[in-house]
């Protein structure tokens, strides 16, 4: 819950099946309540905080699209927004509107969960737990400690995560999806179901025809960025450019 109360979410999408899919996912979140379902940007433009905490919005709808409708709401009254789209190239404008996240359709369940987690963090504000600054790595019977700022990228290894730094690998006894929630989202970005990168380590991004991309990190490591995560990655790169 945000501040001890339920998070109030409105879903705005002109496609009934898409709307139903979002609502079904939200029912699995114990601290979320759906306060309304809406079908176009005109209805979205009437929504205000504090009646609605978050809107989950399809970017492209008949009449007024989601981005234009959000832009008409005064900033002080604008709910947080998670944007949905089947198309790319809206990320920069989405983040200019301070969207919490930007998800490509068809929606990936892991990405949807991450977007809801980001929403929780924003609503909790300064009372939320601080991002992890150090990792405890067990080596035999002793513990070693690694600063998060030294980690260059992280990969999944079954139910574990592997921290990469200065050519070394360190096994962390925690699944990647759980670790992702503890990292500073301003510094670490998930680029694939099995990989997280420290954003300032990305030296090159090469798009591929299938809408994925290949990343080259400063140490020469090549990683695949999947289309599910690419827009969030591009927005993060844009912020530090």
Protein backbone atom coordinates (compact mmCIF):
# COMPACT_ATOMS: atom_id res chain seq x y z
CA UNK A 1 0.00 0.00 0.00
CA UNK A 2 1.07 3.61 -0.58
CA UNK A 3 1.19 5.45 2.73
CA UNK A 4 -1.02 2.77 4.31
CA UNK A 5 -3.83 2.96 1.75
CA UNK A 6 -4.77 1.26 -1.50
CA UNK A 7 -3.32 2.55 -4.77
CA UNK A 8 -6.23 3.79 -6.92
CA UNK A 9 -5.78 2.95 -10.60
CA UNK A 10 -7.82 3.88 -13.68
CA UNK A 11 -7.39 1.93 -16.93
CA UNK A 12 -7.85 3.82 -20.21
CA UNK A 13 -7.88 1.82 -23.45
CA UNK A 14 -10.34 1.74 -26.33
CA UNK A 15 -9.79 -2.02 -26.85
CA UNK A 16 -12.01 -4.08 -24.48
CA UNK A 17 -9.73 -7.15 -24.50
CA UNK A 18 -6.64 -5.08 -23.78
CA UNK A 19 -8.45 -3.29 -20.97
CA UNK A 20 -9.60 -6.59 -19.48
CA UNK A 21 -6.04 -7.95 -19.60
CA UNK A 22 -4.70 -4.99 -17.63
CA UNK A 23 -7.51 -5.22 -15.07
CA UNK A 24 -6.88 -8.96 -14.62
CA UNK A 25 -3.18 -8.30 -13.90
CA UNK A 26 -4.06 -5.56 -11.42
CA UNK A 27 -6.30 -7.96 -9.49
CA UNK A 28 -3.16 -9.86 -8.60
CA UNK A 29 -1.72 -6.82 -6.79
CA UNK A 30 -2.97 -6.82 -3.17
CA UNK A 31 -2.49 -3.07 -2.63
CA UNK A 32 -4.17 -1.93 -5.88
CA UNK A 33 -7.82 -1.15 -6.54
CA UNK A 34 -9.27 -0.36 -9.98
CA UNK A 35 -11.45 2.75 -9.64
CA UNK A 36 -12.59 2.95 -13.24
CA UNK A 37 -12.27 1.78 -16.85
CA UNK A 38 -12.36 4.37 -19.66
CA UNK A 39 -12.25 4.20 -23.44
CA UNK A 40 -10.72 7.41 -24.81
CA UNK A 41 -8.56 10.46 -24.19
CA UNK A 42 -11.53 12.73 -23.52
CA UNK A 43 -12.44 10.64 -20.47
CA UNK A 44 -8.78 10.48 -19.42
CA UNK A 45 -8.55 14.29 -19.45
CA UNK A 46 -11.21 14.47 -16.72
CA UNK A 47 -9.25 12.33 -14.23
CA UNK A 48 -7.51 14.09 -11.35
CA UNK A 49 -5.54 13.38 -8.23
CA UNK A 50 -6.35 12.66 -5.46
CA UNK A 51 -9.32 10.64 -6.77
CA UNK A 52 -6.98 8.61 -8.98
CA UNK A 53 -3.34 7.86 -8.10
CA UNK A 54 -2.33 6.17 -11.34
CA UNK A 55 -3.66 5.89 -14.89
CA UNK A 56 -2.65 3.02 -17.16
CA UNK A 57 -3.14 4.49 -20.62
CA UNK A 58 -3.05 3.29 -24.21
CA UNK A 59 -1.05 5.93 -26.10
CA UNK A 60 -2.99 5.68 -29.37
CA UNK A 61 -6.78 5.93 -29.15
CA UNK A 62 -9.43 7.36 -31.48
CA UNK A 63 -10.03 11.10 -31.12
CA UNK A 64 -7.61 12.40 -28.50
CA UNK A 65 -4.61 10.17 -27.85
CA UNK A 66 -3.28 9.34 -24.41
CA UNK A 67 -0.26 11.67 -24.48
CA UNK A 68 -2.28 14.69 -25.60
CA UNK A 69 -4.92 14.01 -22.95
CA UNK A 70 -2.32 13.70 -20.19
CA UNK A 71 -0.72 16.97 -21.29
CA UNK A 72 -4.01 18.84 -20.72
CA UNK A 73 -4.16 17.83 -17.04
CA UNK A 74 -2.43 20.38 -14.76
CA UNK A 75 0.82 18.94 -13.43
CA UNK A 76 -0.25 19.36 -9.78
CA UNK A 77 -3.40 17.29 -10.43
CA UNK A 78 -2.03 14.81 -12.98
CA UNK A 79 -2.08 11.16 -11.84
CA UNK A 80 1.04 9.09 -12.32
CA UNK A 81 0.93 7.36 -15.70
CA UNK A 82 1.98 4.00 -17.09
CA UNK A 83 1.78 4.13 -20.88
CA UNK A 84 0.89 1.22 -23.17
CA UNK A 85 1.47 1.05 -26.91
CA UNK A 86 1.92 -1.42 -29.75
CA UNK A 87 4.31 1.04 -31.39
CA UNK A 88 7.66 2.59 -30.59
CA UNK A 89 9.11 6.12 -30.67
CA UNK A 90 6.93 7.69 -27.97
CA UNK A 91 9.43 7.19 -25.14
CA UNK A 92 11.01 10.65 -25.06
CA UNK A 93 7.68 12.46 -24.96
CA UNK A 94 6.38 9.96 -22.42
CA UNK A 95 9.17 10.78 -20.03
CA UNK A 96 8.77 14.52 -20.66
CA UNK A 97 5.28 13.95 -19.18
CA UNK A 98 6.98 12.17 -16.27
CA UNK A 99 5.41 8.82 -17.04
CA UNK A 100 6.32 6.11 -14.54
CA UNK A 101 6.93 3.55 -17.28
CA UNK A 102 6.35 2.77 -20.93
CA UNK A 103 5.24 -0.76 -21.88
CA UNK A 104 5.03 -2.30 -25.33
CA UNK A 105 2.08 -4.50 -26.27
CA UNK A 106 1.70 -7.42 -25.97
CA UNK A 107 2.41 -6.78 -22.29
CA UNK A 108 5.12 -8.86 -20.64
CA UNK A 109 4.09 -9.92 -17.11
CA UNK A 110 7.53 -9.22 -15.62
CA UNK A 111 7.64 -5.74 -17.14
CA UNK A 112 4.12 -5.03 -15.90
CA UNK A 113 5.16 -6.03 -12.39
CA UNK A 114 8.20 -3.74 -12.59
CA UNK A 115 6.00 -0.83 -13.67
CA UNK A 116 3.72 -1.35 -10.67
CA UNK A 117 6.78 -1.52 -8.39
CA UNK A 118 8.06 1.77 -9.81
CA UNK A 119 4.64 3.28 -9.13
CA UNK A 120 4.74 2.11 -5.52
CA UNK A 121 8.17 3.70 -5.07
CA UNK A 122 7.02 7.04 -6.45
CA UNK A 123 3.87 7.12 -4.34
CA UNK A 124 5.76 6.27 -1.18
CA UNK A 125 8.21 9.12 -1.79
CA UNK A 126 10.83 9.64 0.89
CA UNK A 127 9.41 6.90 3.13
CA UNK A 128 10.41 4.14 0.71
CA UNK A 129 13.43 1.98 1.43
CA UNK A 130 16.67 3.38 0.03
CA UNK A 131 18.17 1.53 -2.96
CA UNK A 132 20.74 -1.12 -2.19
CA UNK A 133 24.25 0.35 -1.91
CA UNK A 134 26.18 -2.82 -1.05
CA UNK A 135 25.90 -6.52 -1.83
CA UNK A 136 26.92 -9.28 0.57
CA UNK A 137 28.61 -12.12 -1.33
CA UNK A 138 29.17 -15.43 0.47
CA UNK A 139 32.53 -17.04 -0.28
CA UNK A 140 32.76 -20.31 1.63
CA UNK A 141 32.20 -19.42 5.29
CA UNK A 142 32.94 -15.70 4.94
CA UNK A 143 31.11 -12.70 3.50
CA UNK A 144 32.57 -10.19 1.06
CA UNK A 145 30.93 -6.81 0.43
CA UNK A 146 30.70 -5.10 -2.96
CA UNK A 147 29.57 -1.53 -3.59
CA UNK A 148 26.67 -1.28 -6.05
CA UNK A 149 28.49 1.60 -7.79
CA UNK A 150 31.23 -0.86 -8.83
CA UNK A 151 28.85 -3.32 -10.52
CA UNK A 152 28.80 -2.90 -14.30
CA UNK A 153 26.07 -5.36 -15.23
CA UNK A 154 24.14 -8.27 -13.75
CA UNK A 155 22.93 -11.50 -15.37
CA UNK A 156 20.49 -14.17 -14.26
CA UNK A 157 21.77 -17.65 -13.45
CA UNK A 158 18.72 -19.72 -12.52
CA UNK A 159 17.57 -18.58 -9.08
CA UNK A 160 20.78 -16.58 -8.62
CA UNK A 161 22.27 -13.39 -10.03
CA UNK A 162 25.84 -12.88 -11.24
CA UNK A 163 27.43 -9.48 -10.57
CA UNK A 164 30.01 -8.41 -13.16
CA UNK A 165 32.73 -5.90 -12.26
CA UNK A 166 36.24 -5.32 -13.60
CA UNK A 167 36.29 -8.68 -15.34
CA UNK A 168 35.22 -10.55 -12.20
CA UNK A 169 32.03 -12.55 -11.54
CA UNK A 170 30.35 -12.74 -8.14
CA UNK A 171 27.38 -15.02 -7.43
CA UNK A 172 24.55 -13.45 -5.43
CA UNK A 173 21.97 -15.78 -3.87
CA UNK A 174 18.95 -13.83 -5.11
CA UNK A 175 16.85 -14.09 -8.32
CA UNK A 176 17.22 -11.27 -10.82
CA UNK A 177 13.58 -10.15 -10.63
CA UNK A 178 13.84 -9.64 -6.86
CA UNK A 179 17.21 -7.88 -7.13
CA UNK A 180 15.81 -5.48 -9.74
CA UNK A 181 13.40 -4.08 -7.14
CA UNK A 182 16.26 -3.17 -4.79
CA UNK A 183 18.44 -1.32 -7.29
CA UNK A 184 18.45 2.43 -7.92
CA UNK A 185 16.22 2.84 -11.03
CA UNK A 186 18.11 6.02 -11.97
CA UNK A 187 21.32 4.00 -12.32
CA UNK A 188 20.35 0.42 -13.21
CA UNK A 189 18.01 -0.59 -16.04
CA UNK A 190 16.76 -4.02 -16.97
CA UNK A 191 17.46 -4.65 -20.67
CA UNK A 192 16.40 -8.27 -20.93
CA UNK A 193 14.62 -10.90 -18.85
CA UNK A 194 18.09 -12.16 -17.91
CA UNK A 195 20.19 -8.94 -17.73
CA UNK A 196 20.44 -5.58 -15.94
CA UNK A 197 23.00 -2.90 -16.84
CA UNK A 198 24.36 0.13 -15.06
CA UNK A 199 23.21 2.77 -17.48
CA UNK A 200 26.48 4.76 -17.58
CA UNK A 201 28.28 1.63 -18.81
CA UNK A 202 26.41 1.59 -22.15
CA UNK A 203 28.79 2.81 -24.85
CA UNK A 204 26.89 1.83 -27.99
CA UNK A 205 23.40 0.70 -29.00
CA UNK A 206 22.79 -0.94 -32.36
CA UNK A 207 19.14 -1.55 -33.35
CA UNK A 208 18.23 -4.87 -35.02
CA UNK A 209 15.50 -5.50 -37.62
CA UNK A 210 13.40 -7.46 -35.10
CA UNK A 211 13.19 -4.31 -32.84
CA UNK A 212 15.69 -5.70 -30.36
CA UNK A 213 19.11 -4.06 -30.01
CA UNK A 214 22.69 -5.05 -29.26
CA UNK A 215 24.45 -3.10 -26.52
CA UNK A 216 28.19 -2.72 -26.18
CA UNK A 217 29.39 -1.84 -22.71
CA UNK A 218 32.57 0.06 -21.88
CA UNK A 219 34.44 -3.16 -21.14
CA UNK A 220 33.49 -4.57 -24.56
CA UNK A 221 30.72 -6.87 -23.33
CA UNK A 222 27.94 -7.32 -25.90
CA UNK A 223 24.40 -7.78 -24.55
CA UNK A 224 21.02 -8.17 -26.17
CA UNK A 225 18.35 -5.62 -25.24
CA UNK A 226 14.89 -7.05 -25.95
CA UNK A 227 12.08 -5.01 -27.45
CA UNK A 228 10.15 -5.40 -24.19
CA UNK A 229 12.68 -3.21 -22.39
CA UNK A 230 14.11 -1.07 -25.21
CA UNK A 231 11.96 2.04 -24.75
CA UNK A 232 12.71 2.30 -21.03
CA UNK A 233 16.41 1.89 -21.85
CA UNK A 234 16.29 4.61 -24.53
CA UNK A 235 14.56 6.98 -22.13
CA UNK A 236 17.20 6.32 -19.45
CA UNK A 237 19.99 6.97 -21.97
CA UNK A 238 18.25 10.17 -23.04
CA UNK A 239 18.16 11.40 -19.42
CA UNK A 240 21.91 11.05 -18.93
CA UNK A 241 22.94 12.30 -22.38
